[in-house]
N, C-alpha and C. Protein backbone atom coordinates (compact mmCIF):
# COMPACT_ATOMS: atom_id res chain seq x y z
N MET A 1 0.85 -1.17 0.00
CA MET A 1 0.00 0.00 0.00
C MET A 1 0.90 1.23 0.00
N ARG A 2 0.54 2.20 -0.88
CA ARG A 2 1.35 3.41 -0.95
C ARG A 2 0.44 4.63 -1.03
N VAL A 3 0.78 5.64 -0.25
CA VAL A 3 0.12 6.94 -0.27
C VAL A 3 1.21 7.97 -0.50
N GLU A 4 0.98 8.86 -1.47
CA GLU A 4 2.02 9.83 -1.82
C GLU A 4 1.41 11.15 -2.24
N LEU A 5 2.00 12.24 -1.77
CA LEU A 5 1.66 13.57 -2.25
C LEU A 5 2.76 14.02 -3.19
N ARG A 6 2.37 14.70 -4.27
CA ARG A 6 3.35 15.16 -5.26
C ARG A 6 3.13 16.62 -5.61
N ALA A 7 4.21 17.35 -5.70
CA ALA A 7 4.15 18.75 -6.11
C ALA A 7 4.40 18.90 -7.61
N THR A 8 4.66 17.80 -8.30
CA THR A 8 4.93 17.85 -9.73
C THR A 8 3.90 17.01 -10.49
N PRO A 9 3.68 17.34 -11.76
CA PRO A 9 2.72 16.57 -12.57
C PRO A 9 3.10 15.09 -12.65
N PHE A 10 2.07 14.25 -12.85
CA PHE A 10 2.32 12.82 -13.01
C PHE A 10 1.33 12.25 -14.03
N ASP A 11 1.72 11.13 -14.62
CA ASP A 11 0.87 10.42 -15.58
C ASP A 11 0.22 9.26 -14.83
N PRO A 12 -1.08 9.36 -14.53
CA PRO A 12 -1.72 8.34 -13.70
C PRO A 12 -1.61 6.92 -14.25
N LEU A 13 -1.80 6.75 -15.55
CA LEU A 13 -1.75 5.39 -16.10
C LEU A 13 -0.34 4.82 -16.08
N ALA A 14 0.66 5.65 -16.30
CA ALA A 14 2.05 5.19 -16.21
C ALA A 14 2.39 4.82 -14.76
N GLU A 15 1.92 5.62 -13.81
CA GLU A 15 2.14 5.31 -12.39
C GLU A 15 1.48 3.99 -12.02
N LEU A 16 0.26 3.79 -12.49
CA LEU A 16 -0.47 2.56 -12.21
C LEU A 16 0.27 1.35 -12.78
N ALA A 17 0.70 1.44 -14.03
CA ALA A 17 1.41 0.32 -14.65
C ALA A 17 2.72 0.02 -13.92
N ARG A 18 3.47 1.07 -13.56
CA ARG A 18 4.75 0.89 -12.87
C ARG A 18 4.53 0.25 -11.50
N TYR A 19 3.56 0.75 -10.76
CA TYR A 19 3.28 0.21 -9.42
C TYR A 19 2.87 -1.25 -9.50
N GLN A 20 1.94 -1.54 -10.39
CA GLN A 20 1.45 -2.92 -10.50
C GLN A 20 2.55 -3.88 -10.94
N ALA A 21 3.41 -3.45 -11.85
CA ALA A 21 4.51 -4.31 -12.32
C ALA A 21 5.49 -4.62 -11.20
N ASN A 22 5.63 -3.69 -10.24
CA ASN A 22 6.58 -3.89 -9.14
C ASN A 22 6.00 -4.61 -7.93
N GLN A 23 4.73 -4.91 -7.95
CA GLN A 23 4.08 -5.60 -6.84
C GLN A 23 3.97 -7.09 -7.16
N ARG A 24 5.06 -7.78 -7.11
CA ARG A 24 5.11 -9.20 -7.47
C ARG A 24 4.16 -10.06 -6.64
N GLU A 25 3.97 -9.70 -5.37
CA GLU A 25 3.10 -10.50 -4.51
C GLU A 25 1.63 -10.42 -4.94
N LEU A 26 1.29 -9.45 -5.78
CA LEU A 26 -0.09 -9.35 -6.29
C LEU A 26 -0.37 -10.34 -7.42
N GLN A 27 0.67 -10.69 -8.16
CA GLN A 27 0.49 -11.50 -9.36
C GLN A 27 -0.28 -12.78 -9.06
N GLY A 28 -1.38 -12.96 -9.79
CA GLY A 28 -2.19 -14.15 -9.65
C GLY A 28 -3.20 -14.11 -8.51
N ARG A 29 -3.14 -13.10 -7.65
CA ARG A 29 -4.01 -13.04 -6.48
C ARG A 29 -5.24 -12.16 -6.69
N TYR A 30 -5.14 -11.18 -7.56
CA TYR A 30 -6.26 -10.26 -7.69
C TYR A 30 -7.09 -10.59 -8.93
N GLY A 31 -8.39 -10.35 -8.80
CA GLY A 31 -9.30 -10.53 -9.92
C GLY A 31 -9.88 -9.22 -10.37
N ALA A 32 -9.59 -8.14 -9.61
CA ALA A 32 -10.15 -6.84 -9.94
C ALA A 32 -9.20 -5.73 -9.56
N THR A 33 -9.12 -4.75 -10.44
CA THR A 33 -8.42 -3.50 -10.17
C THR A 33 -9.42 -2.39 -10.49
N ALA A 34 -9.71 -1.55 -9.50
CA ALA A 34 -10.58 -0.40 -9.74
C ALA A 34 -9.73 0.85 -9.60
N ILE A 35 -9.92 1.78 -10.54
CA ILE A 35 -9.14 3.03 -10.49
C ILE A 35 -10.06 4.23 -10.64
N PHE A 36 -9.61 5.31 -10.05
CA PHE A 36 -10.25 6.60 -10.25
C PHE A 36 -9.15 7.61 -10.51
N ILE A 37 -9.33 8.41 -11.56
CA ILE A 37 -8.39 9.48 -11.89
C ILE A 37 -9.18 10.78 -11.88
N GLY A 38 -8.79 11.70 -11.04
CA GLY A 38 -9.43 13.01 -10.99
C GLY A 38 -8.53 14.04 -11.64
N THR A 39 -9.13 14.90 -12.46
CA THR A 39 -8.37 15.95 -13.14
C THR A 39 -8.97 17.31 -12.82
N MET A 40 -8.18 18.35 -13.00
CA MET A 40 -8.66 19.71 -12.74
C MET A 40 -9.53 20.18 -13.89
N ARG A 41 -10.70 20.69 -13.53
CA ARG A 41 -11.61 21.27 -14.52
C ARG A 41 -11.25 22.74 -14.75
N ASP A 42 -11.73 23.27 -15.89
CA ASP A 42 -11.50 24.68 -16.19
C ASP A 42 -12.71 25.55 -15.83
N TYR A 43 -13.59 25.01 -15.01
CA TYR A 43 -14.74 25.78 -14.53
C TYR A 43 -15.14 25.26 -13.14
N ASN A 44 -15.78 26.10 -12.37
CA ASN A 44 -16.34 25.70 -11.08
C ASN A 44 -17.31 26.80 -10.67
N ASP A 45 -18.41 26.41 -10.07
CA ASP A 45 -19.42 27.37 -9.64
C ASP A 45 -19.81 28.35 -10.76
N GLN A 46 -20.02 27.80 -11.94
CA GLN A 46 -20.48 28.55 -13.11
C GLN A 46 -19.53 29.65 -13.59
N SER A 47 -18.23 29.49 -13.33
CA SER A 47 -17.29 30.48 -13.87
C SER A 47 -15.98 29.80 -14.26
N PRO A 48 -15.27 30.39 -15.23
CA PRO A 48 -14.00 29.82 -15.69
C PRO A 48 -12.93 29.83 -14.59
N VAL A 49 -12.12 28.78 -14.60
CA VAL A 49 -11.00 28.67 -13.67
C VAL A 49 -9.75 28.47 -14.51
N THR A 50 -8.73 29.30 -14.28
CA THR A 50 -7.51 29.24 -15.09
C THR A 50 -6.36 28.53 -14.40
N GLY A 51 -6.48 28.29 -13.11
CA GLY A 51 -5.44 27.59 -12.35
C GLY A 51 -5.92 27.36 -10.93
N MET A 52 -5.15 26.58 -10.20
CA MET A 52 -5.52 26.30 -8.82
C MET A 52 -4.26 25.98 -8.02
N THR A 53 -4.26 26.36 -6.76
CA THR A 53 -3.21 25.97 -5.83
C THR A 53 -3.86 25.11 -4.76
N LEU A 54 -3.29 23.93 -4.57
CA LEU A 54 -3.80 22.98 -3.58
C LEU A 54 -2.82 22.97 -2.41
N GLU A 55 -3.28 23.45 -1.26
CA GLU A 55 -2.43 23.53 -0.08
C GLU A 55 -2.75 22.40 0.89
N HIS A 56 -1.79 22.08 1.74
CA HIS A 56 -1.96 21.01 2.72
C HIS A 56 -1.00 21.23 3.89
N TYR A 57 -1.20 20.47 4.96
CA TYR A 57 -0.25 20.45 6.07
C TYR A 57 0.62 19.22 5.90
N PRO A 58 1.92 19.42 5.56
CA PRO A 58 2.80 18.26 5.40
C PRO A 58 2.81 17.41 6.68
N GLY A 59 2.83 16.11 6.47
CA GLY A 59 2.81 15.17 7.59
C GLY A 59 1.39 14.84 8.00
N MET A 60 0.62 15.84 8.38
CA MET A 60 -0.75 15.61 8.80
C MET A 60 -1.60 15.08 7.64
N THR A 61 -1.47 15.67 6.47
CA THR A 61 -2.28 15.24 5.33
C THR A 61 -1.94 13.82 4.92
N GLU A 62 -0.66 13.49 4.86
CA GLU A 62 -0.26 12.12 4.51
C GLU A 62 -0.82 11.11 5.51
N ARG A 63 -0.73 11.42 6.79
CA ARG A 63 -1.26 10.50 7.81
C ARG A 63 -2.77 10.32 7.66
N HIS A 64 -3.46 11.41 7.37
CA HIS A 64 -4.91 11.32 7.18
C HIS A 64 -5.24 10.44 5.97
N LEU A 65 -4.55 10.63 4.88
CA LEU A 65 -4.78 9.81 3.69
C LEU A 65 -4.45 8.35 3.96
N GLN A 66 -3.39 8.12 4.70
CA GLN A 66 -3.02 6.74 5.06
C GLN A 66 -4.13 6.07 5.87
N ARG A 67 -4.71 6.80 6.80
CA ARG A 67 -5.83 6.25 7.59
C ARG A 67 -7.03 5.92 6.71
N ILE A 68 -7.33 6.78 5.75
CA ILE A 68 -8.45 6.52 4.82
C ILE A 68 -8.22 5.23 4.06
N VAL A 69 -7.02 5.06 3.51
CA VAL A 69 -6.70 3.86 2.72
C VAL A 69 -6.68 2.62 3.61
N THR A 70 -6.12 2.73 4.80
CA THR A 70 -6.08 1.58 5.72
C THR A 70 -7.49 1.15 6.10
N ALA A 71 -8.37 2.10 6.38
CA ALA A 71 -9.75 1.76 6.73
C ALA A 71 -10.45 1.03 5.59
N ALA A 72 -10.25 1.49 4.36
CA ALA A 72 -10.86 0.82 3.21
C ALA A 72 -10.27 -0.56 3.00
N THR A 73 -8.97 -0.69 3.20
CA THR A 73 -8.31 -1.98 3.04
C THR A 73 -8.86 -2.99 4.04
N ASP A 74 -9.07 -2.54 5.25
CA ASP A 74 -9.62 -3.42 6.29
C ASP A 74 -11.08 -3.77 6.02
N GLU A 75 -11.88 -2.79 5.63
CA GLU A 75 -13.31 -3.03 5.43
C GLU A 75 -13.60 -3.95 4.24
N TRP A 76 -12.85 -3.79 3.16
CA TRP A 76 -13.13 -4.57 1.96
C TRP A 76 -12.08 -5.64 1.66
N THR A 77 -11.19 -5.92 2.54
CA THR A 77 -10.16 -6.94 2.37
C THR A 77 -9.43 -6.76 1.03
N LEU A 78 -8.89 -5.59 0.85
CA LEU A 78 -8.13 -5.30 -0.36
C LEU A 78 -6.77 -5.97 -0.30
N LEU A 79 -6.25 -6.31 -1.46
CA LEU A 79 -4.90 -6.88 -1.54
C LEU A 79 -3.85 -5.77 -1.55
N ASP A 80 -4.21 -4.62 -2.13
CA ASP A 80 -3.27 -3.51 -2.21
C ASP A 80 -4.03 -2.25 -2.59
N ALA A 81 -3.38 -1.10 -2.38
CA ALA A 81 -3.97 0.17 -2.74
C ALA A 81 -2.87 1.18 -3.04
N LEU A 82 -3.17 2.08 -3.95
CA LEU A 82 -2.26 3.15 -4.33
C LEU A 82 -3.05 4.45 -4.36
N LEU A 83 -2.52 5.48 -3.72
CA LEU A 83 -3.12 6.81 -3.74
C LEU A 83 -2.03 7.83 -3.99
N ILE A 84 -2.14 8.54 -5.10
CA ILE A 84 -1.22 9.64 -5.41
C ILE A 84 -2.07 10.90 -5.54
N HIS A 85 -1.67 11.95 -4.85
CA HIS A 85 -2.45 13.20 -4.87
C HIS A 85 -1.50 14.37 -5.10
N ARG A 86 -1.88 15.26 -5.99
CA ARG A 86 -1.09 16.47 -6.26
C ARG A 86 -1.30 17.51 -5.18
N VAL A 87 -0.30 18.33 -4.99
CA VAL A 87 -0.37 19.54 -4.19
C VAL A 87 0.36 20.63 -4.97
N GLY A 88 0.17 21.87 -4.55
CA GLY A 88 0.84 22.98 -5.23
C GLY A 88 0.03 23.50 -6.40
N ALA A 89 0.73 24.10 -7.36
CA ALA A 89 0.09 24.75 -8.51
C ALA A 89 -0.36 23.72 -9.55
N LEU A 90 -1.60 23.88 -10.00
CA LEU A 90 -2.17 23.00 -11.03
C LEU A 90 -2.81 23.84 -12.13
N GLN A 91 -2.90 23.24 -13.30
CA GLN A 91 -3.55 23.85 -14.46
C GLN A 91 -4.71 22.97 -14.89
N PRO A 92 -5.69 23.53 -15.59
CA PRO A 92 -6.78 22.70 -16.11
C PRO A 92 -6.23 21.49 -16.88
N ASN A 93 -6.89 20.37 -16.71
CA ASN A 93 -6.55 19.08 -17.30
C ASN A 93 -5.42 18.34 -16.58
N ASP A 94 -4.76 18.97 -15.62
CA ASP A 94 -3.74 18.26 -14.84
C ASP A 94 -4.41 17.18 -13.99
N PRO A 95 -3.84 15.97 -13.97
CA PRO A 95 -4.34 14.98 -13.01
C PRO A 95 -4.08 15.47 -11.58
N ILE A 96 -5.10 15.32 -10.75
CA ILE A 96 -4.97 15.71 -9.34
C ILE A 96 -4.80 14.48 -8.47
N VAL A 97 -5.55 13.43 -8.76
CA VAL A 97 -5.54 12.27 -7.87
C VAL A 97 -5.67 10.97 -8.67
N LEU A 98 -4.96 9.97 -8.19
CA LEU A 98 -5.09 8.59 -8.67
C LEU A 98 -5.37 7.72 -7.46
N VAL A 99 -6.47 6.99 -7.52
CA VAL A 99 -6.78 5.97 -6.52
C VAL A 99 -6.88 4.66 -7.26
N ALA A 100 -6.13 3.67 -6.83
CA ALA A 100 -6.21 2.33 -7.42
C ALA A 100 -6.27 1.32 -6.29
N VAL A 101 -7.16 0.35 -6.43
CA VAL A 101 -7.26 -0.72 -5.44
C VAL A 101 -7.31 -2.06 -6.15
N TRP A 102 -6.73 -3.05 -5.50
CA TRP A 102 -6.71 -4.41 -6.01
C TRP A 102 -7.39 -5.32 -5.00
N SER A 103 -8.27 -6.19 -5.50
CA SER A 103 -8.94 -7.14 -4.63
C SER A 103 -9.22 -8.41 -5.41
N ALA A 104 -9.67 -9.43 -4.69
CA ALA A 104 -9.99 -10.69 -5.34
C ALA A 104 -11.22 -10.56 -6.24
N HIS A 105 -12.15 -9.67 -5.86
CA HIS A 105 -13.42 -9.57 -6.58
C HIS A 105 -13.78 -8.11 -6.86
N ARG A 106 -14.55 -7.88 -7.92
CA ARG A 106 -14.87 -6.53 -8.37
C ARG A 106 -15.72 -5.74 -7.38
N ALA A 107 -16.65 -6.36 -6.69
CA ALA A 107 -17.52 -5.61 -5.78
C ALA A 107 -16.69 -4.89 -4.72
N ALA A 108 -15.73 -5.57 -4.15
CA ALA A 108 -14.87 -4.94 -3.14
C ALA A 108 -14.03 -3.83 -3.75
N ALA A 109 -13.51 -4.07 -4.95
CA ALA A 109 -12.67 -3.06 -5.61
C ALA A 109 -13.46 -1.79 -5.90
N PHE A 110 -14.65 -1.93 -6.50
CA PHE A 110 -15.48 -0.76 -6.79
C PHE A 110 -15.84 -0.01 -5.52
N ALA A 111 -16.32 -0.72 -4.52
CA ALA A 111 -16.78 -0.09 -3.28
C ALA A 111 -15.64 0.63 -2.57
N ALA A 112 -14.50 -0.01 -2.48
CA ALA A 112 -13.36 0.58 -1.77
C ALA A 112 -12.83 1.81 -2.51
N CYS A 113 -12.73 1.73 -3.82
CA CYS A 113 -12.22 2.86 -4.60
C CYS A 113 -13.13 4.08 -4.40
N ARG A 114 -14.43 3.85 -4.49
CA ARG A 114 -15.38 4.95 -4.28
C ARG A 114 -15.31 5.49 -2.85
N ALA A 115 -15.24 4.62 -1.88
CA ALA A 115 -15.18 5.05 -0.48
C ALA A 115 -13.94 5.88 -0.21
N ILE A 116 -12.81 5.47 -0.75
CA ILE A 116 -11.56 6.24 -0.57
C ILE A 116 -11.74 7.64 -1.15
N MET A 117 -12.27 7.74 -2.37
CA MET A 117 -12.45 9.05 -2.99
C MET A 117 -13.43 9.92 -2.22
N GLU A 118 -14.55 9.35 -1.81
CA GLU A 118 -15.55 10.14 -1.08
C GLU A 118 -15.00 10.65 0.24
N GLU A 119 -14.27 9.80 0.95
CA GLU A 119 -13.67 10.20 2.23
C GLU A 119 -12.60 11.27 2.00
N LEU A 120 -11.80 11.08 0.97
CA LEU A 120 -10.75 12.04 0.63
C LEU A 120 -11.38 13.41 0.32
N LYS A 121 -12.40 13.43 -0.53
CA LYS A 121 -13.03 14.69 -0.94
C LYS A 121 -13.73 15.39 0.22
N SER A 122 -14.27 14.63 1.15
CA SER A 122 -15.06 15.26 2.20
C SER A 122 -14.27 15.56 3.48
N LYS A 123 -13.16 14.84 3.71
CA LYS A 123 -12.50 15.00 5.02
C LYS A 123 -10.98 15.23 4.99
N ALA A 124 -10.33 15.01 3.87
CA ALA A 124 -8.88 15.18 3.85
C ALA A 124 -8.51 16.66 3.97
N PRO A 125 -7.44 16.96 4.72
CA PRO A 125 -7.05 18.36 4.94
C PRO A 125 -6.30 18.97 3.75
N PHE A 126 -7.08 19.39 2.76
CA PHE A 126 -6.57 20.14 1.60
C PHE A 126 -7.35 21.45 1.53
N TRP A 127 -6.70 22.50 1.02
CA TRP A 127 -7.35 23.78 0.81
C TRP A 127 -7.06 24.20 -0.62
N LYS A 128 -8.14 24.55 -1.35
CA LYS A 128 -8.02 24.89 -2.77
C LYS A 128 -8.25 26.39 -2.98
N ARG A 129 -7.31 27.01 -3.67
CA ARG A 129 -7.47 28.40 -4.09
C ARG A 129 -7.48 28.41 -5.61
N GLU A 130 -8.60 28.81 -6.16
CA GLU A 130 -8.74 28.85 -7.62
C GLU A 130 -8.38 30.23 -8.15
N GLU A 131 -7.78 30.22 -9.33
CA GLU A 131 -7.52 31.46 -10.06
C GLU A 131 -8.62 31.57 -11.11
N THR A 132 -9.36 32.69 -11.07
CA THR A 132 -10.46 32.89 -12.01
C THR A 132 -10.21 34.18 -12.79
N THR A 133 -11.05 34.42 -13.77
CA THR A 133 -10.91 35.64 -14.57
C THR A 133 -11.20 36.89 -13.75
N THR A 134 -11.84 36.73 -12.59
CA THR A 134 -12.12 37.88 -11.73
C THR A 134 -11.23 37.92 -10.49
N GLY A 135 -10.23 37.04 -10.43
CA GLY A 135 -9.31 37.02 -9.30
C GLY A 135 -9.36 35.71 -8.55
N PRO A 136 -8.51 35.57 -7.52
CA PRO A 136 -8.46 34.31 -6.76
C PRO A 136 -9.66 34.17 -5.82
N ARG A 137 -10.01 32.89 -5.54
CA ARG A 137 -11.06 32.60 -4.56
C ARG A 137 -10.77 31.25 -3.93
N TRP A 138 -11.13 31.12 -2.66
CA TRP A 138 -11.00 29.86 -1.94
C TRP A 138 -12.23 29.01 -2.21
N VAL A 139 -12.02 27.72 -2.41
CA VAL A 139 -13.13 26.79 -2.60
C VAL A 139 -13.65 26.43 -1.21
N THR A 140 -14.93 26.67 -0.99
CA THR A 140 -15.49 26.46 0.34
C THR A 140 -16.26 25.15 0.48
N HIS A 141 -16.49 24.46 -0.63
CA HIS A 141 -17.22 23.20 -0.58
C HIS A 141 -16.82 22.33 -1.77
N ASN A 142 -16.96 21.04 -1.61
CA ASN A 142 -16.69 20.10 -2.70
C ASN A 142 -17.99 19.67 -3.34
N THR A 143 -17.89 19.23 -4.58
CA THR A 143 -19.08 18.72 -5.25
C THR A 143 -19.46 17.39 -4.60
N PRO A 144 -20.77 17.13 -4.47
CA PRO A 144 -21.18 15.86 -3.86
C PRO A 144 -20.84 14.68 -4.77
N GLY A 145 -20.61 13.53 -4.15
CA GLY A 145 -20.26 12.32 -4.88
C GLY A 145 -21.47 11.74 -5.55
């Protein structure tokens, strides 16, 4: 299981392939891989967004994300999980988050992947400042799942 914050862009599918290829103990054990890739939109709250800064508390945010993934792993008996999340400056279309889970069966994989994302979006300690055509603004709420 790996949880990582990154200040630089990443290719979610390349990360997924690299991680899975290096997890030899997974080979032959999983029947399902569920993934979610979140990207930055160029609009929010009915107005254009030209960029965003994603802030966090180093150490605290990673621990919180680790707890989210561990809880999902325990609840759905996952074989493995990967969570990569961007921080810092982002542009529209930049990948923000990759969640991947491996399990013996698809029901557990789907449920755990969704639960990780919903928990992350609603409770993880991130703060978003969007750059708009009318100036910067803080995001005060997330879109419902």
